[in-house]
Structures are given as structure tokens and as C-alpha cells.
Amino acid sequence: MVNRFDVIVIGAALNGLAVAVALAGPSARRPLGVLVVDAKDPETFASSQFDGRASAISASARRMFEALGIWQELGALAQPMNEIIVTDARPGGESRPVLLNFGETDMGGRPTAHMIENRHLYAALYRAARQSSYISFVTGSAVASYGFGPGLAEIRLVSDMAYRTSLIVAADGRNSPAREAAGIAMVGWAYDQAGIVVTVEHELPHHGRAEEHFTPSGPFAILPLPGNRSSLVWTEKRADAERIVALPDNEFLVELQERFGSHLGAIAVVSSRHSYPLALFVAREFVAPRLALVGDAAHVLHPLAGLGFNLGLRDAAALAECIADAAALGLDPGGTAVLQRYTAWRRFDTVATAAAMDGLNRLFGNDNPILRLFRDAGLMAVNRLPKLKSYFAIEAAGQSGDLPKLLRGELL
């Protein structure tokens, strides 16, 4: 006997759980039957070690979490970004003139984003999924084979269990086996950069200020966490990042302090170090028969603006709405019309965002003195134009464009 579900989500990390909870969580008005499949044990994802990262949750993503009924839990663990500054800096230079500044006035009196550690995000989504009788989990066994339509899709696990569904949602990361099984290629390139992620505790309070220091090797971001702590995303050339991560603790702290500066007093590393290769890749297609891609399975972006997870949430919210609308009308939730609507909704936004992030990385990673002069002048000009600053603040808050219902705070 082959078990049947309305939707099968491959990948039990953040984006996969967001799709599952949107479609069948405790707040879903017309829940569908969802199966979440992962070769790993989801319980380990919510452990204190998770992956060392934190995410900037935009204002629209916050509304989505409110609609899903998990923001009350997350809000107590989140740090609002009350101010954002951008500088053009050099390692070791204490003088870092602010070129662009976003305060509460520019952001309509509310934070454009909150910083939350990924382990807290995962724990909240996982609990919401576990509370639903419409969401099932199969973990600890990888998918051995995929079959895509035309009638139903089917997966067969290494354990030889088989499951059928109207739609497979690939939320299985940048090296997505589901995407590869469907023959969808990725277009893009790897950067000669890696992002070092670490959490520090500092002597002085950050007052909710986020800092983005652009250096010749890449951005150095100081992102506020609750208490006197900050999450750092430190971009270096790949070889330099490997060298830095391998340093003894005392030498690592010296390198870090040089880039961090002394404006928040003495710092101490309070987490393990992680290094991630940086790249830009976008899937040629976001869908195939009986398959839809979300999150890193569809796109991998440079983290300089912290948009990666928010872009994945846009995917999850849009796809869930397409599926839910079709199911409410008695239509095939994995049919061609659903997949075409999802593609039209998400592809242009993703490609445009990817191109913008790539352009910014190349612009600010260039140490040409003439180019530095013009880009700094451009940022300072933006800083003096309130309407233009408000436009950028709205973009950063994820409140522009055709937003799915969940990102407007509405239930499906």
C-alpha cells in the first residue's frame, strides 16, 4: 500500500516547515494533508548548536509569523533593529564615517526588521508543525527515487517506503536532490568569498543598532541580538576565511577585534565559528510537473542585505496561497495552473533581487579609489533625501510588491 498526501515537503529546515505550517498548521482555515520528509532528525535542528546563524526578520515576515500564531513566542526572543547604519570601512580603521543611516523616523516609527537566532525560529516552527494533526513527519531515511506525474508524484525512500502526492515541494537546500531529479539546472557562479558567522558579547549596549561596514574584501555586518550580544556576518576572500576560522581562539579574537572596532567596548566570542562559501545561483525554472522549488533550492544569494531567508518566506507564502486557493475551489493543488501562478509570482522578484545583491557586492567589494568616491557620494546623497530613504526602508521591510496574504498578516 502506498500512502497518499496532498503535499509532500522535502526538507524539514526553516523553509520546509514554513510551507507545512502555512498549509496545515494550527491557524490554517482549510488544512491539507502534508508530509514532511528529511533524512536528518529534526529534533537536532532545534538544539542549542543548530548552525550558529541568526536571521533578520522583515516587517512582512513578522506579520506572517503573527498569522501563523508563533510570533508571540518569537517576539520575546527577538531584537528589534531600531537603527541601521552603512559605512565604507577598512580593517583596523577606527574612523568609519556613516554614509547612510536609517532611524525610526525613516522606518515609520517601527523597526524594519528583528534579529532572531535560527534555533529559536526553527523551534517555534517545529512546535507549530507538531501541534497539527494534518502534518506528518518521516525522518531518518533519505529519498531514493522521485517520480513526477503526470497524474501524481511519488517518492520512494531508502527504507523502501513509498508515498504519493499531488505536489512535491523541494525545500532541500542549494544542492537539492529533488531539483536535480527533475532535471532543473542552476544558473550562476560562486564568489571567491566566504561568510564567517559568529556571535559575540560586548561590553557596551548596541541599542538595537545594526551596522553594515563595507570593506574591500566584502561586508562586515554587526547585527544586534537580545542583551549585549551581536551576530556577525564577516565576509572575506575564501582563502583568508579558511585561515581565520582555523586560528587559535586568542588569535581569532585579535583579527575579529581589528574589524569590529572598539565602539562597543571589549568583545568576547560566545559561539562556535562557522564559515560558508558564498555564491549566486538561481534555478532556470522554479517548477516542473508536480514539483515546486522554494528557498535555497530555488535561489542562493549573497547575504550582504540579509534577504535570503525572507526571500524563502516569500516563496513559502506565495506557494501556500496558490495551493490553498486551488484546493478551496476543488482544483488540483499540484496542477499546471498552480505551478504557473507560482512561477509568475516569484520568479521576477527573485531574479531582480539576486541581480541587485550581486551588483552591490561587486560595487562595494571594489577598492578603486574613484569608484569609492562616487559610491560614497551616492550613499550620502540618498541619506539627505527623506523620500528616497523611506523607499529603501519600505523595500528593506519587505512591504513592496504583490505580497501574499500571509505576508500581509492574513490567514489562507
Foldseek 3Di string as FASTA:
>chain_A
DAAEWAEEEEDLAQLSLLLQLQQFFPLAPDHTQYEYEEQADLVVCLDPFNPQDKFWQFLLNLLLCVSSPQNVVQVVFKFFQQKEFEFADAFQDQDTDTLAMDHCVLQVNGGRTIIHHRSSSSVSSVVRQVVTPRYHYDYNWAWPAWDFDPPWIKTATPVRHMYIHLAYEYPPAQVTPVCVRLVWDKDWWFDQKKWKKFKKAFDAAPNNYWYWYQYLQGTWIWGDGPDRMTIITDMGGNVVVVVLLPDPQVVNLVSVCSRVDAPRHRMHTDHRMDMGTAIWIAIPAQDDRRYGYAQSNGIGAGCSLSCRVVLRSQLSLLLSVLLVVQVVVVHRSRDPVSRVSSRVQRVVVRVVVRVVRVVVRVQRNDPDPVSVVVVSVVSNVCNVDSVSSSVVSCVSSVNDDDGHQSSVSHRD
